[in-house]
Each structure stands twice: as C-alpha cells, then as structure tokens.
C-alpha cells in the first residue's frame, strides 16, 4: 500500500546535492529526496521545527554544468538520523522564483525518464 500524501512525489537524488543556508553561508547538509513542493535533508547541523530558512543548492545535469536554485522553506518535521550527529528534516518549499521552479521541474522530469 502506498501512503504517499504529498501533492508531488519526492524523488531520490543519484549524486549528492549539498545545501547551503543562504543567510549564514553555512553548508547544512545534503538533499535526501526532492520534489517540486519540498525536500528531505540529511543535516549535519540541526534545523528547528516550524522554522523558516532560505536555502540554495545546485542541481547537476548530464553536461557537467549545474543550475543554482534558491528557495524559501518551512521545516515541517525533524528527526534524529541513525548516524550520530545527523538529523533528517522534512521541508516544504514556500518561495521559489518562476525561473528556479521551471529549472527544478525540468530537472525532476529528466531524472524520472
């Protein structure tokens, strides 16, 4: 039985995608899975529940280039990961430019093929 309640299914990433806090410039972790509406991060710096963050990350493509995405997110949940010192965080995308959204959609379509 599939208990998927998201409006857009999240897709795992084949290559590590590092995530930067746009305000502090600090690397906070990497993407575990990603959709048009949200992501799960594997964080080495704890995020707060029900908090807002401005994040940026680069989506790799087959040509070796990368498209930078900047987005505002809301922390929906956090949980201690099995590895000591790491946290899983579920984030909902609440702000993304039209250009970044189109880039993200295209990238998600390309990994689904």
PDB file of N, CA and C in Angstrom:
ATOM      1  N   UNK A   1       0.842  -1.182   0.000  1.00  0.00           N
ATOM      2  CA  UNK A   1       0.000   0.000   0.000  1.00  0.00           C
ATOM      3  C   UNK A   1       0.884   1.241   0.000  1.00  0.00           C
ATOM      4  N   UNK A   2       0.593   2.194  -0.856  1.00  0.00           N
ATOM      5  CA  UNK A   2       1.352   3.430  -0.931  1.00  0.00           C
ATOM      6  C   UNK A   2       0.657   4.485  -0.085  1.00  0.00           C
ATOM      7  N   UNK A   3       1.350   5.002   0.914  1.00  0.00           N
ATOM      8  CA  UNK A   3       0.793   6.005   1.819  1.00  0.00           C
ATOM      9  C   UNK A   3       1.300   7.396   1.463  1.00  0.00           C
ATOM     10  N   UNK A   4       1.559   7.659   0.198  1.00  0.00           N
ATOM     11  CA  UNK A   4       2.074   8.942  -0.267  1.00  0.00           C
ATOM     12  C   UNK A   4       0.973   9.997  -0.179  1.00  0.00           C
ATOM     13  N   UNK A   5       1.167  11.006   0.652  1.00  0.00           N
ATOM     14  CA  UNK A   5       0.173  12.062   0.819  1.00  0.00           C
ATOM     15  C   UNK A   5       0.634  13.379   0.216  1.00  0.00           C
ATOM     16  N   UNK A   6       1.805  13.414  -0.361  1.00  0.00           N
ATOM     17  CA  UNK A   6       2.312  14.651  -0.942  1.00  0.00           C
ATOM     18  C   UNK A   6       1.637  14.902  -2.280  1.00  0.00           C
ATOM     19  N   UNK A   7       1.516  16.191  -2.635  1.00  0.00           N
ATOM     20  CA  UNK A   7       0.918  16.521  -3.926  1.00  0.00           C
ATOM     21  C   UNK A   7       1.871  16.218  -5.075  1.00  0.00           C
ATOM     22  N   UNK A   8       3.163  16.180  -4.800  1.00  0.00           N
ATOM     23  CA  UNK A   8       4.169  15.819  -5.800  1.00  0.00           C
ATOM     24  C   UNK A   8       5.116  14.812  -5.158  1.00  0.00           C
ATOM     25  N   UNK A   9       5.248  13.615  -5.724  1.00  0.00           N
ATOM     26  CA  UNK A   9       6.120  12.608  -5.117  1.00  0.00           C
ATOM     27  C   UNK A   9       7.583  13.053  -5.117  1.00  0.00           C
ATOM     28  N   UNK A  10       8.261  12.749  -4.043  1.00  0.00           N
ATOM     29  CA  UNK A  10       9.676  13.107  -3.953  1.00  0.00           C
ATOM     30  C   UNK A  10      10.519  12.058  -4.647  1.00  0.00           C
ATOM     31  N   UNK A  11      11.606  12.533  -5.239  1.00  0.00           N
ATOM     32  CA  UNK A  11      12.495  11.640  -5.981  1.00  0.00           C
ATOM     33  C   UNK A  11      13.873  11.642  -5.332  1.00  0.00           C
ATOM     34  N   UNK A  12      14.451  10.455  -5.144  1.00  0.00           N
ATOM     35  CA  UNK A  12      15.803  10.394  -4.592  1.00  0.00           C
ATOM     36  C   UNK A  12      16.806  10.964  -5.592  1.00  0.00           C
ATOM     37  N   UNK A  13      17.912  11.458  -5.094  1.00  0.00           N
ATOM     38  CA  UNK A  13      18.952  12.013  -5.959  1.00  0.00           C
ATOM     39  C   UNK A  13      20.087  11.014  -6.102  1.00  0.00           C
ATOM     40  N   UNK A  14      20.596  10.884  -7.327  1.00  0.00           N
ATOM     41  CA  UNK A  14      21.677   9.931  -7.590  1.00  0.00           C
ATOM     42  C   UNK A  14      23.016  10.447  -7.075  1.00  0.00           C
ATOM     43  N   UNK A  15      23.248  11.726  -7.228  1.00  0.00           N
ATOM     44  CA  UNK A  15      24.511  12.339  -6.791  1.00  0.00           C
ATOM     45  C   UNK A  15      24.232  13.238  -5.583  1.00  0.00           C
ATOM     46  N   UNK A  16      25.203  13.405  -4.698  1.00  0.00           N
ATOM     47  CA  UNK A  16      24.996  14.287  -3.543  1.00  0.00           C
ATOM     48  C   UNK A  16      24.741  15.730  -3.993  1.00  0.00           C
ATOM     49  N   UNK A  17      23.739  16.349  -3.389  1.00  0.00           N
ATOM     50  CA  UNK A  17      23.433  17.757  -3.645  1.00  0.00           C
ATOM     51  C   UNK A  17      23.575  18.481  -2.315  1.00  0.00           C
ATOM     52  N   UNK A  18      24.646  19.244  -2.188  1.00  0.00           N
ATOM     53  CA  UNK A  18      24.917  19.979  -0.954  1.00  0.00           C
ATOM     54  C   UNK A  18      23.985  21.186  -0.842  1.00  0.00           C
ATOM     55  N   UNK A  19      23.542  21.492   0.380  1.00  0.00           N
ATOM     56  CA  UNK A  19      22.603  22.581   0.633  1.00  0.00           C
ATOM     57  C   UNK A  19      23.259  23.614   1.537  1.00  0.00           C
ATOM     58  N   UNK A  20      23.142  24.868   1.117  1.00  0.00           N
ATOM     59  CA  UNK A  20      23.739  25.998   1.831  1.00  0.00           C
ATOM     60  C   UNK A  20      22.636  26.871   2.419  1.00  0.00           C
ATOM     61  N   UNK A  21      22.815  27.294   3.668  1.00  0.00           N
ATOM     62  CA  UNK A  21      21.945  28.298   4.273  1.00  0.00           C
ATOM     63  C   UNK A  21      22.323  29.632   3.637  1.00  0.00           C
ATOM     64  N   UNK A  22      21.421  30.249   2.893  1.00  0.00           N
ATOM     65  CA  UNK A  22      21.737  31.481   2.156  1.00  0.00           C
ATOM     66  C   UNK A  22      22.060  32.645   3.079  1.00  0.00           C
ATOM     67  N   UNK A  23      21.533  32.659   4.263  1.00  0.00           N
ATOM     68  CA  UNK A  23      21.773  33.764   5.200  1.00  0.00           C
ATOM     69  C   UNK A  23      23.165  33.666   5.824  1.00  0.00           C
ATOM     70  N   UNK A  24      23.521  32.482   6.336  1.00  0.00           N
ATOM     71  CA  UNK A  24      24.812  32.328   7.026  1.00  0.00           C
ATOM     72  C   UNK A  24      25.940  31.900   6.095  1.00  0.00           C
ATOM     73  N   UNK A  25      25.598  31.327   4.927  1.00  0.00           N
ATOM     74  CA  UNK A  25      26.604  30.791   4.022  1.00  0.00           C
ATOM     75  C   UNK A  25      27.117  29.425   4.441  1.00  0.00           C
ATOM     76  N   UNK A  26      26.526  28.857   5.483  1.00  0.00           N
ATOM     77  CA  UNK A  26      26.975  27.576   6.040  1.00  0.00           C
ATOM     78  C   UNK A  26      26.368  26.394   5.280  1.00  0.00           C
ATOM     79  N   UNK A  27      27.176  25.367   5.028  1.00  0.00           N
ATOM     80  CA  UNK A  27      26.685  24.117   4.466  1.00  0.00           C
ATOM     81  C   UNK A  27      25.957  23.395   5.590  1.00  0.00           C
ATOM     82  N   UNK A  28      24.673  23.121   5.384  1.00  0.00           N
ATOM     83  CA  UNK A  28      23.893  22.488   6.451  1.00  0.00           C
ATOM     84  C   UNK A  28      23.632  21.008   6.227  1.00  0.00           C
ATOM     85  N   UNK A  29      23.880  20.522   5.015  1.00  0.00           N
ATOM     86  CA  UNK A  29      23.658  19.102   4.751  1.00  0.00           C
ATOM     87  C   UNK A  29      23.488  18.841   3.269  1.00  0.00           C
ATOM     88  N   UNK A  30      22.766  17.754   2.962  1.00  0.00           N
ATOM     89  CA  UNK A  30      22.547  17.392   1.558  1.00  0.00           C
ATOM     90  C   UNK A  30      21.123  16.897   1.366  1.00  0.00           C
ATOM     91  N   UNK A  31      20.676  16.971   0.125  1.00  0.00           N
ATOM     92  CA  UNK A  31      19.322  16.549  -0.221  1.00  0.00           C
ATOM     93  C   UNK A  31      19.225  15.028  -0.143  1.00  0.00           C
ATOM     94  N   UNK A  32      18.199  14.538   0.535  1.00  0.00           N
ATOM     95  CA  UNK A  32      17.904  13.110   0.559  1.00  0.00           C
ATOM     96  C   UNK A  32      16.925  12.763  -0.544  1.00  0.00           C
ATOM     97  N   UNK A  33      15.885  13.583  -0.687  1.00  0.00           N
ATOM     98  CA  UNK A  33      14.946  13.457  -1.793  1.00  0.00           C
ATOM     99  C   UNK A  33      14.346  14.827  -2.065  1.00  0.00           C
ATOM    100  N   UNK A  34      13.725  14.969  -3.240  1.00  0.00           N
ATOM    101  CA  UNK A  34      13.330  16.293  -3.699  1.00  0.00           C
ATOM    102  C   UNK A  34      12.083  16.202  -4.564  1.00  0.00           C
ATOM    103  N   UNK A  35      11.210  17.192  -4.443  1.00  0.00           N
ATOM    104  CA  UNK A  35      10.053  17.322  -5.332  1.00  0.00           C
ATOM    105  C   UNK A  35       9.860  18.799  -5.628  1.00  0.00           C
ATOM    106  N   UNK A  36       8.867  19.095  -6.410  1.00  0.00           N
ATOM    107  CA  UNK A  36       8.557  20.485  -6.743  1.00  0.00           C
ATOM    108  C   UNK A  36       8.094  21.257  -5.514  1.00  0.00           C
ATOM    109  N   UNK A  37       7.540  20.527  -4.527  1.00  0.00           N
ATOM    110  CA  UNK A  37       6.955  21.183  -3.354  1.00  0.00           C
ATOM    111  C   UNK A  37       7.746  21.031  -2.064  1.00  0.00           C
ATOM    112  N   UNK A  38       8.802  20.213  -2.068  1.00  0.00           N
ATOM    113  CA  UNK A  38       9.526  20.011  -0.826  1.00  0.00           C
ATOM    114  C   UNK A  38      10.729  19.119  -0.980  1.00  0.00           C
ATOM    115  N   UNK A  39      11.380  18.873   0.144  1.00  0.00           N
ATOM    116  CA  UNK A  39      12.578  18.037   0.155  1.00  0.00           C
ATOM    117  C   UNK A  39      12.807  17.484   1.547  1.00  0.00           C
ATOM    118  N   UNK A  40      13.588  16.413   1.585  1.00  0.00           N
ATOM    119  CA  UNK A  40      14.080  15.904   2.846  1.00  0.00           C
ATOM    120  C   UNK A  40      15.581  16.134   2.843  1.00  0.00           C
ATOM    121  N   UNK A  41      16.071  16.749   3.894  1.00  0.00           N
ATOM    122  CA  UNK A  41      17.502  16.990   4.031  1.00  0.00           C
ATOM    123  C   UNK A  41      18.098  16.050   5.054  1.00  0.00           C
ATOM    124  N   UNK A  42      19.339  15.670   4.797  1.00  0.00           N
ATOM    125  CA  UNK A  42      20.157  14.954   5.776  1.00  0.00           C
ATOM    126  C   UNK A  42      21.117  16.013   6.296  1.00  0.00           C
ATOM    127  N   UNK A  43      20.861  16.465   7.510  1.00  0.00           N
ATOM    128  CA  UNK A  43      21.562  17.641   8.056  1.00  0.00           C
ATOM    129  C   UNK A  43      22.653  17.246   9.045  1.00  0.00           C
ATOM    130  N   UNK A  44      23.779  17.934   8.960  1.00  0.00           N
ATOM    131  CA  UNK A  44      24.794  17.776  10.000  1.00  0.00           C
ATOM    132  C   UNK A  44      24.745  18.965  10.947  1.00  0.00           C
ATOM    133  N   UNK A  45      23.828  19.874  10.685  1.00  0.00           N
ATOM    134  CA  UNK A  45      23.527  20.981  11.588  1.00  0.00           C
ATOM    135  C   UNK A  45      22.025  20.939  11.851  1.00  0.00           C
ATOM    136  N   UNK A  46      21.604  20.821  13.103  1.00  0.00           N
ATOM    137  CA  UNK A  46      20.174  20.672  13.387  1.00  0.00           C
ATOM    138  C   UNK A  46      19.368  21.888  12.912  1.00  0.00           C
ATOM    139  N   UNK A  47      18.213  21.597  12.341  1.00  0.00           N
ATOM    140  CA  UNK A  47      17.260  22.638  11.991  1.00  0.00           C
ATOM    141  C   UNK A  47      16.158  22.646  13.040  1.00  0.00           C
ATOM    142  N   UNK A  48      15.508  23.778  13.205  1.00  0.00           N
ATOM    143  CA  UNK A  48      14.421  23.890  14.179  1.00  0.00           C
ATOM    144  C   UNK A  48      13.097  23.498  13.520  1.00  0.00           C
ATOM    145  N   UNK A  49      12.232  22.840  14.278  1.00  0.00           N
ATOM    146  CA  UNK A  49      10.873  22.548  13.813  1.00  0.00           C
ATOM    147  C   UNK A  49      10.129  23.859  13.611  1.00  0.00           C
ATOM    148  N   UNK A  50       9.251  23.881  12.613  1.00  0.00           N
ATOM    149  CA  UNK A  50       8.363  25.005  12.352  1.00  0.00           C
ATOM    150  C   UNK A  50       9.132  26.319  12.169  1.00  0.00           C
ATOM    151  N   UNK A  51      10.282  26.238  11.498  1.00  0.00           N
ATOM    152  CA  UNK A  51      11.109  27.425  11.258  1.00  0.00           C
ATOM    153  C   UNK A  51      11.197  27.691   9.759  1.00  0.00           C
ATOM    154  N   UNK A  52      11.573  28.909   9.410  1.00  0.00           N
ATOM    155  CA  UNK A  52      11.749  29.306   8.017  1.00  0.00           C
ATOM    156  C   UNK A  52      13.233  29.450   7.711  1.00  0.00           C
ATOM    157  N   UNK A  53      13.637  28.977   6.538  1.00  0.00           N
ATOM    158  CA  UNK A  53      15.028  29.056   6.098  1.00  0.00           C
ATOM    159  C   UNK A  53      15.065  29.491   4.640  1.00  0.00           C
ATOM    160  N   UNK A  54      16.136  30.144   4.269  1.00  0.00           N
ATOM    161  CA  UNK A  54      16.422  30.471   2.870  1.00  0.00           C
ATOM    162  C   UNK A  54      17.607  29.602   2.478  1.00  0.00           C
ATOM    163  N   UNK A  55      17.399  28.688   1.508  1.00  0.00           N
ATOM    164  CA  UNK A  55      18.421  27.712   1.140  1.00  0.00           C
ATOM    165  C   UNK A  55      18.770  27.821  -0.334  1.00  0.00           C
ATOM    166  N   UNK A  56      19.979  27.381  -0.665  1.00  0.00           N
ATOM    167  CA  UNK A  56      20.361  27.280  -2.074  1.00  0.00           C
ATOM    168  C   UNK A  56      21.128  25.981  -2.295  1.00  0.00           C
ATOM    169  N   UNK A  57      20.974  25.464  -3.509  1.00  0.00           N
ATOM    170  CA  UNK A  57      21.660  24.229  -3.885  1.00  0.00           C
ATOM    171  C   UNK A  57      21.804  24.217  -5.395  1.00  0.00           C
ATOM    172  N   UNK A  58      22.712  23.373  -5.874  1.00  0.00           N
ATOM    173  CA  UNK A  58      22.985  23.272  -7.312  1.00  0.00           C
ATOM    174  C   UNK A  58      22.541  21.909  -7.819  1.00  0.00           C
ATOM    175  N   UNK A  59      21.722  21.942  -8.863  1.00  0.00           N
ATOM    176  CA  UNK A  59      21.236  20.708  -9.483  1.00  0.00           C
ATOM    177  C   UNK A  59      22.169  20.315 -10.616  1.00  0.00           C
ATOM    178  N   UNK A  60      22.816  19.165 -10.528  1.00  0.00           N
ATOM    179  CA  UNK A  60      23.725  18.734 -11.596  1.00  0.00           C
ATOM    180  C   UNK A  60      22.943  18.310 -12.836  1.00  0.00           C
ATOM    181  N   UNK A  61      23.594  18.421 -14.005  1.00  0.00           N
ATOM    182  CA  UNK A  61      22.979  17.887 -15.222  1.00  0.00           C
ATOM    183  C   UNK A  61      23.995  17.043 -15.968  1.00  0.00           C
ATOM    184  N   UNK A  62      23.546  16.414 -17.044  1.00  0.00           N
ATOM    185  CA  UNK A  62      24.413  15.483 -17.770  1.00  0.00           C
ATOM    186  C   UNK A  62      25.578  16.181 -18.467  1.00  0.00           C
ATOM    187  N   UNK A  63      25.476  17.469 -18.726  1.00  0.00           N
ATOM    188  CA  UNK A  63      26.555  18.188 -19.404  1.00  0.00           C
ATOM    189  C   UNK A  63      27.653  18.631 -18.432  1.00  0.00           C
ATOM    190  N   UNK A  64      27.490  18.338 -17.159  1.00  0.00           N
ATOM    191  CA  UNK A  64      28.507  18.695 -16.178  1.00  0.00           C
ATOM    192  C   UNK A  64      28.280  20.072 -15.567  1.00  0.00           C
ATOM    193  N   UNK A  65      27.333  20.839 -16.103  1.00  0.00           N
ATOM    194  CA  UNK A  65      27.014  22.147 -15.536  1.00  0.00           C
ATOM    195  C   UNK A  65      26.039  21.940 -14.375  1.00  0.00           C
ATOM    196  N   UNK A  66      25.766  23.002 -13.661  1.00  0.00           N
ATOM    197  CA  UNK A  66      24.816  22.911 -12.564  1.00  0.00           C
ATOM    198  C   UNK A  66      23.975  24.184 -12.523  1.00  0.00           C
ATOM    199  N   UNK A  67      22.707  24.013 -12.236  1.00  0.00           N
ATOM    200  CA  UNK A  67      21.795  25.144 -12.110  1.00  0.00           C
ATOM    201  C   UNK A  67      21.579  25.427 -10.627  1.00  0.00           C
ATOM    202  N   UNK A  68      21.788  26.678 -10.225  1.00  0.00           N
ATOM    203  CA  UNK A  68      21.594  27.018  -8.818  1.00  0.00           C
ATOM    204  C   UNK A  68      20.127  27.356  -8.558  1.00  0.00           C
ATOM    205  N   UNK A  69      19.608  26.791  -7.496  1.00  0.00           N
ATOM    206  CA  UNK A  69      18.231  27.014  -7.066  1.00  0.00           C
ATOM    207  C   UNK A  69      18.296  27.683  -5.696  1.00  0.00           C
ATOM    208  N   UNK A  70      17.529  28.750  -5.534  1.00  0.00           N
ATOM    209  CA  UNK A  70      17.380  29.375  -4.216  1.00  0.00           C
ATOM    210  C   UNK A  70      15.910  29.320  -3.865  1.00  0.00           C
ATOM    211  N   UNK A  71      15.623  28.942  -2.623  1.00  0.00           N
ATOM    212  CA  UNK A  71      14.238  28.757  -2.224  1.00  0.00           C
ATOM    213  C   UNK A  71      14.043  29.053  -0.744  1.00  0.00           C
ATOM    214  N   UNK A  72      12.858  29.528  -0.415  1.00  0.00           N
ATOM    215  CA  UNK A  72      12.446  29.671   0.977  1.00  0.00           C
ATOM    216  C   UNK A  72      11.717  28.401   1.377  1.00  0.00           C
ATOM    217  N   UNK A  73      12.009  27.884   2.558  1.00  0.00           N
ATOM    218  CA  UNK A  73      11.403  26.635   3.011  1.00  0.00           C
ATOM    219  C   UNK A  73      10.876  26.769   4.434  1.00  0.00           C
ATOM    220  N   UNK A  74       9.945  25.887   4.768  1.00  0.00           N
ATOM    221  CA  UNK A  74       9.378  25.800   6.110  1.00  0.00           C
ATOM    222  C   UNK A  74       9.652  24.396   6.631  1.00  0.00           C
ATOM    223  N   UNK A  75      10.250  24.284   7.794  1.00  0.00           N
ATOM    224  CA  UNK A  75      10.535  22.976   8.395  1.00  0.00           C
ATOM    225  C   UNK A  75       9.237  22.378   8.925  1.00  0.00           C
ATOM    226  N   UNK A  76       8.863  21.236   8.347  1.00  0.00           N
ATOM    227  CA  UNK A  76       7.633  20.555   8.743  1.00  0.00           C
ATOM    228  C   UNK A  76       7.878  19.542   9.858  1.00  0.00           C
ATOM    229  N   UNK A  77       9.045  18.902   9.837  1.00  0.00           N
ATOM    230  CA  UNK A  77       9.385  17.914  10.855  1.00  0.00           C
ATOM    231  C   UNK A  77      10.904  17.723  10.898  1.00  0.00           C
ATOM    232  N   UNK A  78      11.382  17.256  12.020  1.00  0.00           N
ATOM    233  CA  UNK A  78      12.792  16.876  12.171  1.00  0.00           C
ATOM    234  C   UNK A  78      12.836  15.574  12.977  1.00  0.00           C
ATOM    235  N   UNK A  79      13.884  14.804  12.714  1.00  0.00           N
ATOM    236  CA  UNK A  79      14.035  13.521  13.400  1.00  0.00           C
ATOM    237  C   UNK A  79      15.524  13.176  13.453  1.00  0.00           C
ATOM    238  N   UNK A  80      15.966  12.628  14.559  1.00  0.00           N
ATOM    239  CA  UNK A  80      17.355  12.185  14.655  1.00  0.00           C
ATOM    240  C   UNK A  80      17.588  11.049  13.666  1.00  0.00           C
ATOM    241  N   UNK A  81      18.679  11.130  12.937  1.00  0.00           N
ATOM    242  CA  UNK A  81      19.037  10.079  11.984  1.00  0.00           C
ATOM    243  C   UNK A  81      19.744   8.944  12.718  1.00  0.00           C
ATOM    244  N   UNK A  82      19.868   7.819  12.031  1.00  0.00           N
ATOM    245  CA  UNK A  82      20.541   6.663  12.617  1.00  0.00           C
ATOM    246  C   UNK A  82      22.014   6.967  12.887  1.00  0.00           C
ATOM    247  N   UNK A  83      22.629   7.801  12.036  1.00  0.00           N
ATOM    248  CA  UNK A  83      24.035   8.174  12.255  1.00  0.00           C
ATOM    249  C   UNK A  83      24.103   9.269  13.305  1.00  0.00           C
ATOM    250  N   UNK A  84      24.929   9.067  14.296  1.00  0.00           N
ATOM    251  CA  UNK A  84      25.080  10.024  15.382  1.00  0.00           C
ATOM    252  C   UNK A  84      25.488  11.395  14.852  1.00  0.00           C
ATOM    253  N   UNK A  85      24.823  12.433  15.304  1.00  0.00           N
ATOM    254  CA  UNK A  85      25.157  13.798  14.915  1.00  0.00           C
ATOM    255  C   UNK A  85      24.420  14.280  13.680  1.00  0.00           C
ATOM    256  N   UNK A  86      23.585  13.452  13.073  1.00  0.00           N
ATOM    257  CA  UNK A  86      22.830  13.844  11.875  1.00  0.00           C
ATOM    258  C   UNK A  86      21.345  13.901  12.186  1.00  0.00           C
ATOM    259  N   UNK A  87      20.648  14.678  11.393  1.00  0.00           N
ATOM    260  CA  UNK A  87      19.212  14.859  11.552  1.00  0.00           C
ATOM    261  C   UNK A  87      18.548  14.793  10.179  1.00  0.00           C
ATOM    262  N   UNK A  88      17.368  14.225  10.106  1.00  0.00           N
ATOM    263  CA  UNK A  88      16.547  14.286   8.898  1.00  0.00           C
ATOM    264  C   UNK A  88      15.566  15.424   9.101  1.00  0.00           C
ATOM    265  N   UNK A  89      15.341  16.196   8.070  1.00  0.00           N
ATOM    266  CA  UNK A  89      14.392  17.303   8.158  1.00  0.00           C
ATOM    267  C   UNK A  89      13.514  17.331   6.917  1.00  0.00           C
ATOM    268  N   UNK A  90      12.206  17.371   7.121  1.00  0.00           N
ATOM    269  CA  UNK A  90      11.255  17.495   6.022  1.00  0.00           C
ATOM    270  C   UNK A  90      10.902  18.957   5.827  1.00  0.00           C
ATOM    271  N   UNK A  91      11.095  19.443   4.622  1.00  0.00           N
ATOM    272  CA  UNK A  91      10.894  20.865   4.337  1.00  0.00           C
ATOM    273  C   UNK A  91       9.868  21.056   3.227  1.00  0.00           C
ATOM    274  N   UNK A  92       9.004  22.043   3.391  1.00  0.00           N
ATOM    275  CA  UNK A  92       8.043  22.422   2.359  1.00  0.00           C
ATOM    276  C   UNK A  92       8.552  23.691   1.695  1.00  0.00           C
ATOM    277  N   UNK A  93       8.593  23.701   0.373  1.00  0.00           N
ATOM    278  CA  UNK A  93       9.019  24.892  -0.360  1.00  0.00           C
ATOM    279  C   UNK A  93       7.875  25.897  -0.322  1.00  0.00           C
ATOM    280  N   UNK A  94       8.171  27.097   0.179  1.00  0.00           N
ATOM    281  CA  UNK A  94       7.142  28.135   0.277  1.00  0.00           C
ATOM    282  C   UNK A  94       7.430  29.326  -0.626  1.00  0.00           C
ATOM    283  N   UNK A  95       8.664  29.411  -1.146  1.00  0.00           N
ATOM    284  CA  UNK A  95       9.019  30.531  -2.009  1.00  0.00           C
ATOM    285  C   UNK A  95      10.095  30.076  -2.989  1.00  0.00           C
ATOM    286  N   UNK A  96       9.807  30.287  -4.289  1.00  0.00           N
ATOM    287  CA  UNK A  96      10.767  29.946  -5.331  1.00  0.00           C
ATOM    288  C   UNK A  96      10.427  30.806  -6.546  1.00  0.00           C
ATOM    289  N   UNK A  97      11.431  31.329  -7.205  1.00  0.00           N
ATOM    290  CA  UNK A  97      11.181  32.167  -8.379  1.00  0.00           C
ATOM    291  C   UNK A  97      10.624  31.312  -9.518  1.00  0.00           C
ATOM    292  N   UNK A  98       9.962  31.946 -10.463  1.00  0.00           N
ATOM    293  CA  UNK A  98       9.432  31.233 -11.618  1.00  0.00           C
ATOM    294  C   UNK A  98      10.514  30.532 -12.415  1.00  0.00           C
ATOM    295  N   UNK A  99      11.644  31.200 -12.587  1.00  0.00           N
ATOM    296  CA  UNK A  99      12.766  30.609 -13.326  1.00  0.00           C
ATOM    297  C   UNK A  99      13.318  29.398 -12.589  1.00  0.00           C
ATOM    298  N   UNK A 100      13.506  29.528 -11.271  1.00  0.00           N
ATOM    299  CA  UNK A 100      14.031  28.410 -10.480  1.00  0.00           C
ATOM    300  C   UNK A 100      13.035  27.257 -10.461  1.00  0.00           C
ATOM    301  N   UNK A 101      11.738  27.551 -10.380  1.00  0.00           N
ATOM    302  CA  UNK A 101      10.720  26.500 -10.386  1.00  0.00           C
ATOM    303  C   UNK A 101      10.732  25.742 -11.714  1.00  0.00           C
ATOM    304  N   UNK A 102      10.869  26.469 -12.820  1.00  0.00           N
ATOM    305  CA  UNK A 102      10.921  25.820 -14.137  1.00  0.00           C
ATOM    306  C   UNK A 102      12.162  24.945 -14.252  1.00  0.00           C
ATOM    307  N   UNK A 103      13.285  25.425 -13.746  1.00  0.00           N
ATOM    308  CA  UNK A 103      14.533  24.654 -13.760  1.00  0.00           C
ATOM    309  C   UNK A 103      14.383  23.386 -12.923  1.00  0.00           C
ATOM    310  N   UNK A 104      13.795  23.528 -11.748  1.00  0.00           N
ATOM    311  CA  UNK A 104      13.584  22.380 -10.871  1.00  0.00           C
ATOM    312  C   UNK A 104      12.644  21.366 -11.530  1.00  0.00           C
ATOM    313  N   UNK A 105      11.556  21.839 -12.127  1.00  0.00           N
ATOM    314  CA  UNK A 105      10.618  20.938 -12.807  1.00  0.00           C
ATOM    315  C   UNK A 105      11.316  20.173 -13.936  1.00  0.00           C
ATOM    316  N   UNK A 106      12.088  20.882 -14.719  1.00  0.00           N
ATOM    317  CA  UNK A 106      12.800  20.246 -15.837  1.00  0.00           C
ATOM    318  C   UNK A 106      13.776  19.191 -15.314  1.00  0.00           C
ATOM    319  N   UNK A 107      14.490  19.512 -14.251  1.00  0.00           N
ATOM    320  CA  UNK A 107      15.452  18.574 -13.663  1.00  0.00           C
ATOM    321  C   UNK A 107      14.731  17.339 -13.129  1.00  0.00           C
ATOM    322  N   UNK A 108      13.615  17.541 -12.425  1.00  0.00           N
ATOM    323  CA  UNK A 108      12.845  16.417 -11.889  1.00  0.00           C
ATOM    324  C   UNK A 108      12.319  15.538 -13.010  1.00  0.00           C
ATOM    325  N   UNK A 109      11.856  16.148 -14.100  1.00  0.00           N
ATOM    326  CA  UNK A 109      11.396  15.367 -15.260  1.00  0.00           C
ATOM    327  C   UNK A 109      12.539  14.564 -15.862  1.00  0.00           C
ATOM    328  N   UNK A 110      13.738  15.140 -15.898  1.00  0.00           N
ATOM    329  CA  UNK A 110      14.881  14.462 -16.517  1.00  0.00           C
ATOM    330  C   UNK A 110      15.330  13.242 -15.718  1.00  0.00           C
ATOM    331  N   UNK A 111      15.192  13.289 -14.401  1.00  0.00           N
ATOM    332  CA  UNK A 111      15.610  12.125 -13.610  1.00  0.00           C
ATOM    333  C   UNK A 111      14.526  11.055 -13.575  1.00  0.00           C
ATOM    334  N   UNK A 112      13.305  11.422 -13.952  1.00  0.00           N
ATOM    335  CA  UNK A 112      12.220  10.447 -13.980  1.00  0.00           C
ATOM    336  C   UNK A 112      12.262   9.611 -15.255  1.00  0.00           C
ATOM    337  N   UNK A 113      12.950  10.133 -16.284  1.00  0.00           N
ATOM    338  CA  UNK A 113      12.973   9.433 -17.584  1.00  0.00           C
ATOM    339  C   UNK A 113      13.847   8.208 -17.553  1.00  0.00           C
TER     340      UNK A 113
END
